[in-house]
PDB file of N, CA and C in Angstrom:
ATOM      1  N   MET A   1     156.912 181.329  49.796  1.00  0.00           N
ATOM      2  CA  MET A   1     157.846 180.248  49.586  1.00  0.00           C
ATOM      3  C   MET A   1     158.170 179.560  50.915  1.00  0.00           C
ATOM      4  N   LYS A   2     158.288 180.366  51.967  1.00  0.00           N
ATOM      5  CA  LYS A   2     158.597 179.774  53.255  1.00  0.00           C
ATOM      6  C   LYS A   2     157.481 178.832  53.688  1.00  0.00           C
ATOM      7  N   GLU A   3     156.228 179.230  53.415  1.00  0.00           N
ATOM      8  CA  GLU A   3     155.094 178.375  53.784  1.00  0.00           C
ATOM      9  C   GLU A   3     155.177 177.035  53.047  1.00  0.00           C
ATOM     10  N   ILE A   4     155.529 177.085  51.778  1.00  0.00           N
ATOM     11  CA  ILE A   4     155.656 175.852  50.996  1.00  0.00           C
ATOM     12  C   ILE A   4     156.794 175.006  51.545  1.00  0.00           C
ATOM     13  N   ALA A   5     157.911 175.657  51.848  1.00  0.00           N
ATOM     14  CA  ALA A   5     159.060 174.923  52.396  1.00  0.00           C
ATOM     15  C   ALA A   5     158.703 174.285  53.730  1.00  0.00           C
ATOM     16  N   ASP A   6     157.978 175.017  54.572  1.00  0.00           N
ATOM     17  CA  ASP A   6     157.566 174.475  55.869  1.00  0.00           C
ATOM     18  C   ASP A   6     156.663 173.260  55.681  1.00  0.00           C
ATOM     19  N   LYS A   7     155.759 173.331  54.712  1.00  0.00           N
ATOM     20  CA  LYS A   7     154.858 172.210  54.466  1.00  0.00           C
ATOM     21  C   LYS A   7     155.608 171.019  53.862  1.00  0.00           C
ATOM     22  N   LEU A   8     156.631 171.286  53.081  1.00  0.00           N
ATOM     23  CA  LEU A   8     157.416 170.195  52.487  1.00  0.00           C
ATOM     24  C   LEU A   8     158.197 169.416  53.547  1.00  0.00           C
ATOM     25  N   LYS A   9     158.470 170.040  54.696  1.00  0.00           N
ATOM     26  CA  LYS A   9     159.161 169.326  55.770  1.00  0.00           C
ATOM     27  C   LYS A   9     158.336 168.121  56.217  1.00  0.00           C
ATOM     28  N   ASN A  10     157.024 168.304  56.245  1.00  0.00           N
ATOM     29  CA  ASN A  10     156.134 167.243  56.724  1.00  0.00           C
ATOM     30  C   ASN A  10     155.599 166.366  55.597  1.00  0.00           C
ATOM     31  N   ASN A  11     155.788 166.804  54.356  1.00  0.00           N
ATOM     32  CA  ASN A  11     155.181 166.083  53.227  1.00  0.00           C
ATOM     33  C   ASN A  11     156.072 166.287  52.009  1.00  0.00           C
ATOM     34  N   ASP A  12     156.533 165.205  51.421  1.00  0.00           N
ATOM     35  CA  ASP A  12     157.419 165.298  50.272  1.00  0.00           C
ATOM     36  C   ASP A  12     156.676 165.609  48.977  1.00  0.00           C
ATOM     37  N   ASN A  13     155.365 165.642  49.025  1.00  0.00           N
ATOM     38  CA  ASN A  13     154.579 165.864  47.822  1.00  0.00           C
ATOM     39  C   ASN A  13     154.476 167.371  47.554  1.00  0.00           C
ATOM     40  N   LEU A  14     155.249 167.842  46.587  1.00  0.00           N
ATOM     41  CA  LEU A  14     155.280 169.265  46.258  1.00  0.00           C
ATOM     42  C   LEU A  14     153.899 169.763  45.832  1.00  0.00           C
ATOM     43  N   TYR A  15     153.182 168.978  45.031  1.00  0.00           N
ATOM     44  CA  TYR A  15     151.853 169.375  44.562  1.00  0.00           C
ATOM     45  C   TYR A  15     150.918 169.623  45.753  1.00  0.00           C
ATOM     46  N   THR A  16     150.906 168.716  46.711  1.00  0.00           N
ATOM     47  CA  THR A  16     150.048 168.858  47.897  1.00  0.00           C
ATOM     48  C   THR A  16     150.436 170.091  48.701  1.00  0.00           C
ATOM     49  N   ALA A  17     151.728 170.287  48.871  1.00  0.00           N
ATOM     50  CA  ALA A  17     152.203 171.443  49.635  1.00  0.00           C
ATOM     51  C   ALA A  17     151.788 172.751  48.969  1.00  0.00           C
ATOM     52  N   ILE A  18     151.972 172.830  47.656  1.00  0.00           N
ATOM     53  CA  ILE A  18     151.589 174.040  46.921  1.00  0.00           C
ATOM     54  C   ILE A  18     150.077 174.222  46.954  1.00  0.00           C
ATOM     55  N   SER A  19     149.311 173.166  46.737  1.00  0.00           N
ATOM     56  CA  SER A  19     147.849 173.247  46.749  1.00  0.00           C
ATOM     57  C   SER A  19     147.338 173.711  48.103  1.00  0.00           C
ATOM     58  N   ASN A  20     147.896 173.156  49.164  1.00  0.00           N
ATOM     59  CA  ASN A  20     147.473 173.556  50.511  1.00  0.00           C
ATOM     60  C   ASN A  20     147.797 175.019  50.795  1.00  0.00           C
ATOM     61  N   THR A  21     148.957 175.452  50.344  1.00  0.00           N
ATOM     62  CA  THR A  21     149.352 176.845  50.549  1.00  0.00           C
ATOM     63  C   THR A  21     148.421 177.781  49.787  1.00  0.00           C
ATOM     64  N   ILE A  22     148.122 177.451  48.549  1.00  0.00           N
ATOM     65  CA  ILE A  22     147.212 178.274  47.740  1.00  0.00           C
ATOM     66  C   ILE A  22     145.825 178.308  48.374  1.00  0.00           C
ATOM     67  N   ALA A  23     145.328 177.165  48.836  1.00  0.00           N
ATOM     68  CA  ALA A  23     144.008 177.104  49.469  1.00  0.00           C
ATOM     69  C   ALA A  23     143.977 177.962  50.730  1.00  0.00           C
ATOM     70  N   THR A  24     145.046 177.895  51.514  1.00  0.00           N
ATOM     71  CA  THR A  24     145.125 178.694  52.738  1.00  0.00           C
ATOM     72  C   THR A  24     145.134 180.179  52.403  1.00  0.00           C
ATOM     73  N   LYS A  25     145.911 180.558  51.395  1.00  0.00           N
ATOM     74  CA  LYS A  25     145.970 181.964  50.988  1.00  0.00           C
ATOM     75  C   LYS A  25     144.609 182.427  50.480  1.00  0.00           C
ATOM     76  N   ALA A  26     143.945 181.596  49.666  1.00  0.00           N
ATOM     77  CA  ALA A  26     142.640 181.957  49.120  1.00  0.00           C
ATOM     78  C   ALA A  26     141.634 182.142  50.249  1.00  0.00           C
ATOM     79  N   THR A  27     141.690 181.262  51.235  1.00  0.00           N
ATOM     80  CA  THR A  27     140.790 181.357  52.376  1.00  0.00           C
ATOM     81  C   THR A  27     141.069 182.630  53.164  1.00  0.00           C
ATOM     82  N   THR A  28     142.337 182.951  53.350  1.00  0.00           N
ATOM     83  CA  THR A  28     142.717 184.161  54.072  1.00  0.00           C
ATOM     84  C   THR A  28     142.241 185.401  53.338  1.00  0.00           C
ATOM     85  N   VAL A  29     142.415 185.437  52.027  1.00  0.00           N
ATOM     86  CA  VAL A  29     141.968 186.584  51.231  1.00  0.00           C
ATOM     87  C   VAL A  29     140.451 186.730  51.325  1.00  0.00           C
ATOM     88  N   ALA A  30     139.738 185.620  51.174  1.00  0.00           N
ATOM     89  CA  ALA A  30     138.277 185.660  51.258  1.00  0.00           C
ATOM     90  C   ALA A  30     137.824 186.123  52.633  1.00  0.00           C
ATOM     91  N   LEU A  31     138.491 185.633  53.664  1.00  0.00           N
ATOM     92  CA  LEU A  31     138.145 186.039  55.027  1.00  0.00           C
ATOM     93  C   LEU A  31     138.396 187.525  55.235  1.00  0.00           C
ATOM     94  N   ASN A  32     139.518 188.017  54.757  1.00  0.00           N
ATOM     95  CA  ASN A  32     139.817 189.451  54.890  1.00  0.00           C
ATOM     96  C   ASN A  32     138.806 190.301  54.129  1.00  0.00           C
ATOM     97  N   GLU A  33     138.396 189.829  52.953  1.00  0.00           N
ATOM     98  CA  GLU A  33     137.377 190.560  52.187  1.00  0.00           C
ATOM     99  C   GLU A  33     136.049 190.578  52.937  1.00  0.00           C
ATOM    100  N   GLU A  34     135.683 189.465  53.544  1.00  0.00           N
ATOM    101  CA  GLU A  34     134.433 189.395  54.308  1.00  0.00           C
ATOM    102  C   GLU A  34     134.497 190.289  55.543  1.00  0.00           C
ATOM    103  N   ILE A  35     135.648 190.329  56.187  1.00  0.00           N
ATOM    104  CA  ILE A  35     135.824 191.216  57.346  1.00  0.00           C
ATOM    105  C   ILE A  35     135.650 192.661  56.925  1.00  0.00           C
ATOM    106  N   THR A  36     136.256 193.029  55.800  1.00  0.00           N
ATOM    107  CA  THR A  36     136.130 194.400  55.290  1.00  0.00           C
ATOM    108  C   THR A  36     134.682 194.719  54.957  1.00  0.00           C
ATOM    109  N   ARG A  37     133.983 193.779  54.289  1.00  0.00           N
ATOM    110  CA  ARG A  37     132.580 193.996  53.934  1.00  0.00           C
ATOM    111  C   ARG A  37     131.715 194.132  55.187  1.00  0.00           C
ATOM    112  N   ALA A  38     131.961 193.268  56.176  1.00  0.00           N
ATOM    113  CA  ALA A  38     131.170 193.290  57.410  1.00  0.00           C
ATOM    114  C   ALA A  38     131.386 194.588  58.179  1.00  0.00           C
ATOM    115  N   LYS A  39     132.633 195.045  58.228  1.00  0.00           N
ATOM    116  CA  LYS A  39     132.919 196.303  58.933  1.00  0.00           C
ATOM    117  C   LYS A  39     132.233 197.479  58.249  1.00  0.00           C
ATOM    118  N   ALA A  40     132.221 197.489  56.919  1.00  0.00           N
ATOM    119  CA  ALA A  40     131.543 198.564  56.181  1.00  0.00           C
ATOM    120  C   ALA A  40     130.037 198.513  56.440  1.00  0.00           C
ATOM    121  N   ALA A  41     129.481 197.313  56.443  1.00  0.00           N
ATOM    122  CA  ALA A  41     128.045 197.161  56.711  1.00  0.00           C
ATOM    123  C   ALA A  41     127.718 197.618  58.126  1.00  0.00           C
ATOM    124  N   GLU A  42     128.558 197.256  59.070  1.00  0.00           N
ATOM    125  CA  GLU A  42     128.346 197.659  60.460  1.00  0.00           C
ATOM    126  C   GLU A  42     128.405 199.183  60.597  1.00  0.00           C
ATOM    127  N   ALA A  43     129.371 199.796  59.927  1.00  0.00           N
ATOM    128  CA  ALA A  43     129.487 201.258  59.981  1.00  0.00           C
ATOM    129  C   ALA A  43     128.253 201.918  59.388  1.00  0.00           C
ATOM    130  N   SER A  44     127.757 201.360  58.300  1.00  0.00           N
ATOM    131  CA  SER A  44     126.554 201.907  57.657  1.00  0.00           C
ATOM    132  C   SER A  44     125.342 201.779  58.574  1.00  0.00           C
ATOM    133  N   ILE A  45     125.186 200.625  59.188  1.00  0.00           N
ATOM    134  CA  ILE A  45     124.060 200.406  60.108  1.00  0.00           C
ATOM    135  C   ILE A  45     124.170 201.347  61.310  1.00  0.00           C
ATOM    136  N   THR A  46     125.368 201.472  61.845  1.00  0.00           N
ATOM    137  CA  THR A  46     125.588 202.365  62.982  1.00  0.00           C
ATOM    138  C   THR A  46     125.222 203.796  62.615  1.00  0.00           C
ATOM    139  N   SER A  47     125.632 204.210  61.438  1.00  0.00           N
ATOM    140  CA  SER A  47     125.319 205.561  60.972  1.00  0.00           C
ATOM    141  C   SER A  47     123.810 205.761  60.841  1.00  0.00           C
ATOM    142  N   ASP A  48     123.122 204.770  60.255  1.00  0.00           N
ATOM    143  CA  ASP A  48     121.668 204.855  60.099  1.00  0.00           C
ATOM    144  C   ASP A  48     120.971 204.928  61.454  1.00  0.00           C
ATOM    145  N   VAL A  49     121.392 204.086  62.385  1.00  0.00           N
ATOM    146  CA  VAL A  49     120.775 204.078  63.721  1.00  0.00           C
ATOM    147  C   VAL A  49     121.011 205.413  64.419  1.00  0.00           C
ATOM    148  N   ASN A  50     122.228 205.922  64.344  1.00  0.00           N
ATOM    149  CA  ASN A  50     122.528 207.206  64.979  1.00  0.00           C
ATOM    150  C   ASN A  50     121.698 208.338  64.375  1.00  0.00           C
ATOM    151  N   ALA A  51     121.518 208.317  63.059  1.00  0.00           N
ATOM    152  CA  ALA A  51     120.702 209.343  62.407  1.00  0.00           C
ATOM    153  C   ALA A  51     119.253 209.250  62.874  1.00  0.00           C
ATOM    154  N   LYS A  52     118.739 208.024  62.973  1.00  0.00           N
ATOM    155  CA  LYS A  52     117.356 207.838  63.428  1.00  0.00           C
ATOM    156  C   LYS A  52     117.198 208.255  64.884  1.00  0.00           C
ATOM    157  N   LEU A  53     118.174 207.929  65.716  1.00  0.00           N
ATOM    158  CA  LEU A  53     118.119 208.330  67.121  1.00  0.00           C
ATOM    159  C   LEU A  53     118.148 209.844  67.254  1.00  0.00           C
ATOM    160  N   SER A  54     118.953 210.485  66.433  1.00  0.00           N
ATOM    161  CA  SER A  54     119.026 211.937  66.455  1.00  0.00           C
ATOM    162  C   SER A  54     117.683 212.558  66.084  1.00  0.00           C
ATOM    163  N   LYS A  55     117.051 212.015  65.031  1.00  0.00           N
ATOM    164  CA  LYS A  55     115.737 212.517  64.627  1.00  0.00           C
ATOM    165  C   LYS A  55     114.711 212.268  65.718  1.00  0.00           C
ATOM    166  N   LYS A  56     114.780 211.100  66.347  1.00  0.00           N
ATOM    167  CA  LYS A  56     113.846 210.769  67.420  1.00  0.00           C
ATOM    168  C   LYS A  56     114.038 211.726  68.582  1.00  0.00           C
ATOM    169  N   ALA A  57     115.282 212.014  68.938  1.00  0.00           N
ATOM    170  CA  ALA A  57     115.552 212.948  70.025  1.00  0.00           C
ATOM    171  C   ALA A  57     114.996 214.322  69.692  1.00  0.00           C
ATOM    172  N   ASN A  58     115.187 214.760  68.449  1.00  0.00           N
ATOM    173  CA  ASN A  58     114.655 216.056  68.038  1.00  0.00           C
ATOM    174  C   ASN A  58     113.130 216.052  68.071  1.00  0.00           C
ATOM    175  N   SER A  59     112.524 214.958  67.649  1.00  0.00           N
ATOM    176  CA  SER A  59     111.072 214.826  67.659  1.00  0.00           C
ATOM    177  C   SER A  59     110.545 214.855  69.083  1.00  0.00           C
ATOM    178  N   THR A  60     111.208 214.161  69.981  1.00  0.00           N
ATOM    179  CA  THR A  60     110.800 214.139  71.386  1.00  0.00           C
ATOM    180  C   THR A  60     110.928 215.529  71.997  1.00  0.00           C
ATOM    181  N   ALA A  61     112.027 216.197  71.715  1.00  0.00           N
ATOM    182  CA  ALA A  61     112.220 217.552  72.239  1.00  0.00           C
ATOM    183  C   ALA A  61     111.134 218.499  71.727  1.00  0.00           C
ATOM    184  N   LEU A  62     110.789 218.374  70.449  1.00  0.00           N
ATOM    185  CA  LEU A  62     109.740 219.217  69.873  1.00  0.00           C
ATOM    186  C   LEU A  62     108.396 218.916  70.521  1.00  0.00           C
ATOM    187  N   ASN A  63     108.085 217.636  70.691  1.00  0.00           N
ATOM    188  CA  ASN A  63     106.832 217.266  71.358  1.00  0.00           C
ATOM    189  C   ASN A  63     106.772 217.822  72.774  1.00  0.00           C
ATOM    190  N   ASP A  64     107.871 217.707  73.501  1.00  0.00           N
ATOM    191  CA  ASP A  64     107.923 218.229  74.867  1.00  0.00           C
ATOM    192  C   ASP A  64     107.718 219.742  74.877  1.00  0.00           C
ATOM    193  N   TYR A  65     108.349 220.437  73.937  1.00  0.00           N
ATOM    194  CA  TYR A  65     108.205 221.900  73.855  1.00  0.00           C
ATOM    195  C   TYR A  65     106.761 222.292  73.566  1.00  0.00           C
ATOM    196  N   VAL A  66     106.153 221.608  72.594  1.00  0.00           N
ATOM    197  CA  VAL A  66     104.765 221.925  72.230  1.00  0.00           C
ATOM    198  C   VAL A  66     103.845 221.657  73.411  1.00  0.00           C
ATOM    199  N   LEU A  67     104.016 220.517  74.061  1.00  0.00           N
ATOM    200  CA  LEU A  67     103.178 220.171  75.212  1.00  0.00           C
ATOM    201  C   LEU A  67     103.343 221.194  76.330  1.00  0.00           C
ATOM    202  N   THR A  68     104.566 221.565  76.626  1.00  0.00           N
ATOM    203  CA  THR A  68     104.830 222.547  77.675  1.00  0.00           C
ATOM    204  C   THR A  68     104.214 223.897  77.324  1.00  0.00           C
ATOM    205  N   THR A  69     104.361 224.296  76.072  1.00  0.00           N
ATOM    206  CA  THR A  69     103.808 225.575  75.636  1.00  0.00           C
ATOM    207  C   THR A  69     102.289 225.582  75.768  1.00  0.00           C
ATOM    208  N   VAL A  70     101.637 224.518  75.327  1.00  0.00           N
ATOM    209  CA  VAL A  70     100.176 224.422  75.417  1.00  0.00           C
ATOM    210  C   VAL A  70      99.733 224.430  76.873  1.00  0.00           C
ATOM    211  N   LEU A  71     100.408 223.666  77.706  1.00  0.00           N
ATOM    212  CA  LEU A  71     100.053 223.634  79.132  1.00  0.00           C
ATOM    213  C   LEU A  71     100.239 225.000  79.785  1.00  0.00           C
ATOM    214  N   ASN A  72     101.327 225.662  79.445  1.00  0.00           N
ATOM    215  CA  ASN A  72     101.562 227.005  79.999  1.00  0.00           C
ATOM    216  C   ASN A  72     100.467 227.977  79.570  1.00  0.00           C
ATOM    217  N   GLU A  73     100.047 227.892  78.313  1.00  0.00           N
ATOM    218  CA  GLU A  73      98.978 228.776  77.833  1.00  0.00           C
ATOM    219  C   GLU A  73      97.668 228.485  78.563  1.00  0.00           C
ATOM    220  N   GLN A  74      97.387 227.198  78.811  1.00  0.00           N
ATOM    221  CA  GLN A  74      96.163 226.842  79.539  1.00  0.00           C
ATOM    222  C   GLN A  74      96.222 227.343  80.978  1.00  0.00           C
ATOM    223  N   VAL A  75      97.381 227.200  81.616  1.00  0.00           N
ATOM    224  CA  VAL A  75      97.547 227.698  82.985  1.00  0.00           C
ATOM    225  C   VAL A  75      97.356 229.211  83.010  1.00  0.00           C
ATOM    226  N   ASN A  76      97.945 229.910  82.042  1.00  0.00           N
ATOM    227  CA  ASN A  76      97.797 231.371  81.980  1.00  0.00           C
ATOM    228  C   ASN A  76      96.340 231.766  81.777  1.00  0.00           C
ATOM    229  N   THR A  77      95.636 231.029  80.922  1.00  0.00           N
ATOM    230  CA  THR A  77      94.219 231.311  80.679  1.00  0.00           C
ATOM    231  C   THR A  77      93.408 231.087  81.956  1.00  0.00           C
ATOM    232  N   LEU A  78      93.674 229.989  82.658  1.00  0.00           N
ATOM    233  CA  LEU A  78      92.962 229.705  83.901  1.00  0.00           C
ATOM    234  C   LEU A  78      93.285 230.758  84.971  1.00  0.00           C
ATOM    235  N   ASN A  79      94.554 231.134  85.069  1.00  0.00           N
ATOM    236  CA  ASN A  79      94.939 232.173  86.044  1.00  0.00           C
ATOM    237  C   ASN A  79      94.251 233.495  85.726  1.00  0.00           C
ATOM    238  N   ALA A  80      94.173 233.810  84.446  1.00  0.00           N
ATOM    239  CA  ALA A  80      93.506 235.069  84.045  1.00  0.00           C
ATOM    240  C   ALA A  80      92.026 235.013  84.406  1.00  0.00           C
ATOM    241  N   ALA A  81      91.409 233.829  84.193  1.00  0.00           N
ATOM    242  CA  ALA A  81      89.987 233.698  84.522  1.00  0.00           C
ATOM    243  C   ALA A  81      89.767 233.787  86.025  1.00  0.00           C
ATOM    244  N   ILE A  82      90.694 233.207  86.810  1.00  0.00           N
ATOM    245  CA  ILE A  82      90.582 233.275  88.268  1.00  0.00           C
ATOM    246  C   ILE A  82      90.763 234.707  88.743  1.00  0.00           C
ATOM    247  N   ASP A  83      91.731 235.411  88.169  1.00  0.00           N
ATOM    248  CA  ASP A  83      91.998 236.805  88.547  1.00  0.00           C
ATOM    249  C   ASP A  83      90.820 237.697  88.195  1.00  0.00           C
ATOM    250  N   ALA A  84      90.118 237.358  87.109  1.00  0.00           N
ATOM    251  CA  ALA A  84      88.999 238.189  86.671  1.00  0.00           C
ATOM    252  C   ALA A  84      87.802 238.058  87.627  1.00  0.00           C
ATOM    253  N   LYS A  85      87.714 237.018  88.407  1.00  0.00           N
ATOM    254  CA  LYS A  85      86.573 236.838  89.317  1.00  0.00           C
ATOM    255  C   LYS A  85      86.768 237.550  90.568  1.00  0.00           C
TER     256      LYS A  85
END
């Protein structure tokens, strides 16, 4: 009501004042809904990216472990062959 009264100060047309107030409220509601939707989408994307990064980190760690293990076995085999000579 205060918004309508404030608008009536500048415009004696009650219909225009009410219409403008309703339009402003509708725009505000729509904007708030879009903000809520965007924040939920952002949270979902962030969660997906974090999950993928976690899997990638685990995959990289596993690859590093396998590579290190294979290299260590090759070094041990070569050392054993050198010791045998």
